[in-house]
Amino acid sequence: MMKRTILTIIFLLISYPVIMAQGHQVGDIASTFSLKNVDGNMVSPDDEAYADAEGYIIVFTCNSCPYAVAYEDRIIDLHHTYAPQGYPVIAINPNATRPAADSYDNMIIRASEKSFPFPYLFDETQEITTAYGAKRTPHIYLLQKEANGEKIVRYIGALDNNAMDAASADVNYVGNAISQLKAGETVETSSTRAIGCGIKWIQ
């Protein structure tokens, strides 16, 4: 019995870094994707519409989470500010065992109500959410596009330093990271803790 317990502990210690490393880390080549947008069309970062993009702001978000709702206007502003600079927002709803508010039909309604200027995509199988390692809504992955077309993860985490009060946020992590990338610098703060609701995983 003791021997079995010791072996179990050793296995868990060996496996722990692997478990913790699931999903993309800063510096990884990001998984590409093609997911259904609220307009019914499939959208991919590899589409011709993004040919001139220097990178992408991938936001895992949803309709139902109060944190995600609190960030909606800021995400819209993020797109308006940085899409002209080559970093458009692509939003993805990761909730598969979703409440009714997060259904595809309600995604369409919410995108219309808020006049989202960016795609709002449906990760029905959670394959992309799993590949990226997103845990909460909202959870942001800032990608930089290389000359060979690869997308490199340069930042992971929160948009800014106040989840519920935009007026009190005084550090824009994503904006700072983009400014540093455009200046040819290393991103100083490359990861932060995403604050939000846990993603609803398929059982």
Protein backbone atom coordinates (compact mmCIF):
# COMPACT_ATOMS: atom_id res chain seq x y z
CA MET A 1 0.00 0.00 0.00
CA MET A 2 2.80 2.39 0.96
CA LYS A 3 4.66 1.58 -2.26
CA ARG A 4 1.54 2.33 -4.33
CA THR A 5 1.07 5.67 -2.52
CA ILE A 6 4.67 6.65 -3.15
CA LEU A 7 4.37 5.76 -6.84
CA THR A 8 1.18 7.80 -7.10
CA ILE A 9 2.88 10.83 -5.54
CA ILE A 10 5.85 10.50 -7.90
CA PHE A 11 3.51 10.25 -10.88
CA LEU A 12 1.65 13.39 -9.80
CA LEU A 13 4.89 15.31 -9.27
CA ILE A 14 6.13 14.32 -12.71
CA SER A 15 2.78 15.09 -14.34
CA TYR A 16 2.19 18.41 -12.56
CA PRO A 17 4.32 20.60 -14.90
CA VAL A 18 2.64 18.98 -17.91
CA ILE A 19 -0.82 19.64 -16.47
CA MET A 20 0.07 23.23 -15.65
CA ALA A 21 1.59 23.75 -19.12
CA GLN A 22 -1.59 22.86 -21.00
CA GLY A 23 -2.51 25.46 -23.58
CA HIS A 24 -0.39 28.14 -25.20
CA GLN A 25 2.36 29.96 -23.35
CA VAL A 26 3.99 33.28 -24.23
CA GLY A 27 6.37 32.67 -27.14
CA ASP A 28 4.41 29.73 -28.56
CA ILE A 29 3.17 29.53 -32.13
CA ALA A 30 -0.58 30.06 -31.78
CA SER A 31 -3.08 27.60 -33.19
CA THR A 32 -4.97 28.93 -36.17
CA PHE A 33 -8.72 28.39 -36.45
CA SER A 34 -11.82 28.81 -38.57
CA LEU A 35 -15.00 29.33 -36.51
CA LYS A 36 -18.55 30.43 -37.23
CA ASN A 37 -19.21 34.14 -36.82
CA VAL A 38 -22.54 35.65 -35.75
CA ASP A 39 -23.19 36.51 -39.41
CA GLY A 40 -23.06 32.80 -40.30
CA ASN A 41 -19.71 33.02 -42.10
CA MET A 42 -16.56 31.18 -41.09
CA VAL A 43 -13.74 33.46 -39.90
CA SER A 44 -10.03 32.71 -39.63
CA PRO A 45 -6.98 34.87 -38.88
CA ASP A 46 -5.66 33.52 -42.19
CA ASP A 47 -8.50 35.14 -44.17
CA GLU A 48 -7.66 37.68 -46.85
CA ALA A 49 -9.45 40.31 -44.76
CA TYR A 50 -6.54 40.08 -42.29
CA ALA A 51 -3.76 40.11 -44.90
CA ASP A 52 -2.42 43.44 -43.59
CA ALA A 53 -2.75 42.59 -39.91
CA GLU A 54 0.40 42.80 -37.80
CA GLY A 55 -1.23 40.69 -35.12
CA TYR A 56 -4.50 39.87 -33.41
CA ILE A 57 -6.21 40.47 -30.08
CA ILE A 58 -7.97 37.17 -29.40
CA VAL A 59 -10.58 37.62 -26.66
CA PHE A 60 -12.35 34.62 -25.13
CA THR A 61 -15.61 36.14 -23.86
CA CYS A 62 -19.33 35.47 -23.54
CA ASN A 63 -22.74 37.07 -22.93
CA SER A 64 -23.54 35.82 -19.45
CA CYS A 65 -20.49 36.57 -17.32
CA PRO A 66 -20.71 39.92 -15.48
CA TYR A 67 -16.97 40.44 -15.93
CA ALA A 68 -17.26 39.88 -19.68
CA VAL A 69 -20.21 42.29 -19.83
CA ALA A 70 -18.23 44.88 -17.84
CA TYR A 71 -15.46 44.66 -20.43
CA GLU A 72 -17.62 44.82 -23.59
CA ASP A 73 -17.29 48.56 -24.18
CA ARG A 74 -13.57 48.42 -23.45
CA ILE A 75 -13.12 45.58 -25.93
CA ILE A 76 -15.01 47.62 -28.53
CA ASP A 77 -12.72 50.60 -27.80
CA LEU A 78 -9.71 48.28 -27.99
CA HIS A 79 -10.71 47.26 -31.52
CA HIS A 80 -11.40 50.84 -32.62
CA THR A 81 -8.02 51.95 -31.29
CA TYR A 82 -5.77 49.11 -32.40
CA ALA A 83 -7.38 47.60 -35.51
CA PRO A 84 -6.23 50.65 -37.54
CA GLN A 85 -2.75 49.99 -36.14
CA GLY A 86 -2.82 46.40 -37.39
CA TYR A 87 -4.15 44.61 -34.30
CA PRO A 88 -7.86 43.79 -34.70
CA VAL A 89 -9.98 42.06 -32.08
CA ILE A 90 -11.37 38.59 -32.75
CA ALA A 91 -13.80 37.52 -30.00
CA ILE A 92 -14.58 33.86 -29.29
CA ASN A 93 -17.38 32.46 -27.13
CA PRO A 94 -15.90 29.36 -25.44
CA ASN A 95 -18.92 28.24 -23.41
CA ALA A 96 -20.15 24.92 -24.75
CA THR A 97 -22.29 23.76 -21.81
CA ARG A 98 -23.58 27.28 -21.88
CA PRO A 99 -26.51 28.90 -20.13
CA ALA A 100 -29.22 30.09 -22.51
CA ALA A 101 -27.69 33.56 -22.56
CA ASP A 102 -24.58 32.16 -24.24
CA SER A 103 -26.34 30.29 -27.05
CA TYR A 104 -25.38 31.03 -30.64
CA ASP A 105 -28.74 32.77 -31.22
CA ASN A 106 -28.14 35.01 -28.23
CA MET A 107 -24.62 35.72 -29.44
CA ILE A 108 -26.21 37.13 -32.60
CA ILE A 109 -28.57 39.29 -30.54
CA ARG A 110 -25.81 40.55 -28.25
CA ALA A 111 -23.48 41.39 -31.13
CA SER A 112 -26.28 43.38 -32.76
CA GLU A 113 -27.26 45.17 -29.53
CA LYS A 114 -23.67 46.25 -28.89
CA SER A 115 -22.80 46.79 -32.57
CA PHE A 116 -19.65 44.71 -32.21
CA PRO A 117 -17.18 45.98 -34.83
CA PHE A 118 -15.28 42.68 -34.69
CA PRO A 119 -16.16 39.03 -35.34
CA TYR A 120 -17.83 37.14 -32.49
CA LEU A 121 -17.10 33.47 -33.06
CA PHE A 122 -18.61 30.29 -31.67
CA ASP A 123 -16.21 27.58 -30.41
CA GLU A 124 -18.84 24.87 -30.26
CA THR A 125 -16.41 21.99 -29.72
CA GLN A 126 -14.09 23.99 -27.40
CA GLU A 127 -11.15 22.74 -29.47
CA ILE A 128 -9.65 26.21 -29.88
CA THR A 129 -10.35 27.21 -26.28
CA THR A 130 -8.53 24.07 -25.14
CA ALA A 131 -5.63 24.63 -27.54
CA TYR A 132 -5.11 28.18 -26.26
CA GLY A 133 -5.62 27.22 -22.63
CA ALA A 134 -8.17 29.93 -21.87
CA LYS A 135 -9.67 29.53 -18.41
CA ARG A 136 -11.95 32.54 -17.91
CA THR A 137 -14.12 35.08 -19.65
CA PRO A 138 -12.67 37.42 -20.62
CA HIS A 139 -9.21 35.96 -21.32
CA ILE A 140 -6.97 37.73 -23.85
CA TYR A 141 -4.22 36.34 -26.07
CA LEU A 142 -2.22 38.93 -28.02
CA LEU A 143 -0.64 37.44 -31.14
CA GLN A 144 2.06 38.91 -33.36
CA LYS A 145 2.13 37.83 -37.00
CA GLU A 146 5.53 36.88 -38.36
CA ALA A 147 6.70 37.31 -41.97
CA ASN A 148 6.16 33.59 -42.57
CA GLY A 149 2.54 33.88 -41.40
CA GLU A 150 3.04 32.22 -38.02
CA LYS A 151 1.27 33.86 -35.10
CA ILE A 152 3.35 34.12 -31.93
CA VAL A 153 1.77 34.57 -28.52
CA ARG A 154 3.19 37.75 -26.96
CA TYR A 155 0.80 38.42 -24.08
CA ILE A 156 -1.77 36.42 -22.09
CA GLY A 157 -4.15 37.69 -19.43
CA ALA A 158 -6.38 40.63 -18.59
CA LEU A 159 -7.08 43.71 -20.69
CA ASP A 160 -6.30 46.14 -17.87
CA ASN A 161 -5.94 46.35 -14.10
CA ASN A 162 -9.55 46.89 -13.06
CA ALA A 163 -12.06 44.21 -14.00
CA MET A 164 -15.26 46.01 -13.02
CA ASP A 165 -14.55 49.75 -13.25
CA ALA A 166 -13.12 51.08 -16.50
CA ALA A 167 -12.68 54.57 -15.03
CA SER A 168 -10.42 53.19 -12.30
CA ALA A 169 -8.20 51.20 -14.67
CA ASP A 170 -4.85 52.95 -15.04
CA VAL A 171 -2.78 50.24 -16.74
CA ASN A 172 -3.79 48.91 -20.17
CA TYR A 173 -1.76 45.71 -20.45
CA VAL A 174 -2.83 44.97 -24.02
CA GLY A 175 -2.28 48.54 -25.24
CA ASN A 176 1.14 48.68 -23.61
CA ALA A 177 2.10 45.33 -25.14
CA ILE A 178 1.07 46.45 -28.64
CA SER A 179 3.02 49.72 -28.28
CA GLN A 180 6.12 47.78 -27.28
CA LEU A 181 5.74 45.31 -30.15
CA LYS A 182 5.31 48.11 -32.67
CA ALA A 183 8.47 49.73 -31.30
CA GLY A 184 10.36 46.47 -31.80
CA GLU A 185 10.69 45.95 -28.06
CA THR A 186 10.09 42.95 -25.85
CA VAL A 187 6.75 43.01 -24.06
CA GLU A 188 7.58 44.05 -20.51
CA THR A 189 4.49 42.54 -18.87
CA SER A 190 3.80 39.43 -20.95
CA SER A 191 1.27 37.76 -18.67
CA THR A 192 -1.24 38.74 -16.02
CA ARG A 193 -4.04 36.96 -14.20
CA ALA A 194 -7.29 36.95 -16.17
CA ILE A 195 -10.17 38.01 -13.94
CA GLY A 196 -13.58 36.61 -14.89
CA CYS A 197 -15.98 33.70 -14.84
CA GLY A 198 -14.79 30.14 -15.32
CA ILE A 199 -15.41 28.66 -18.76
CA LYS A 200 -18.25 26.12 -18.87
CA TRP A 201 -16.59 22.94 -20.11
CA ILE A 202 -18.17 20.04 -21.96
CA GLN A 203 -18.52 17.14 -19.54
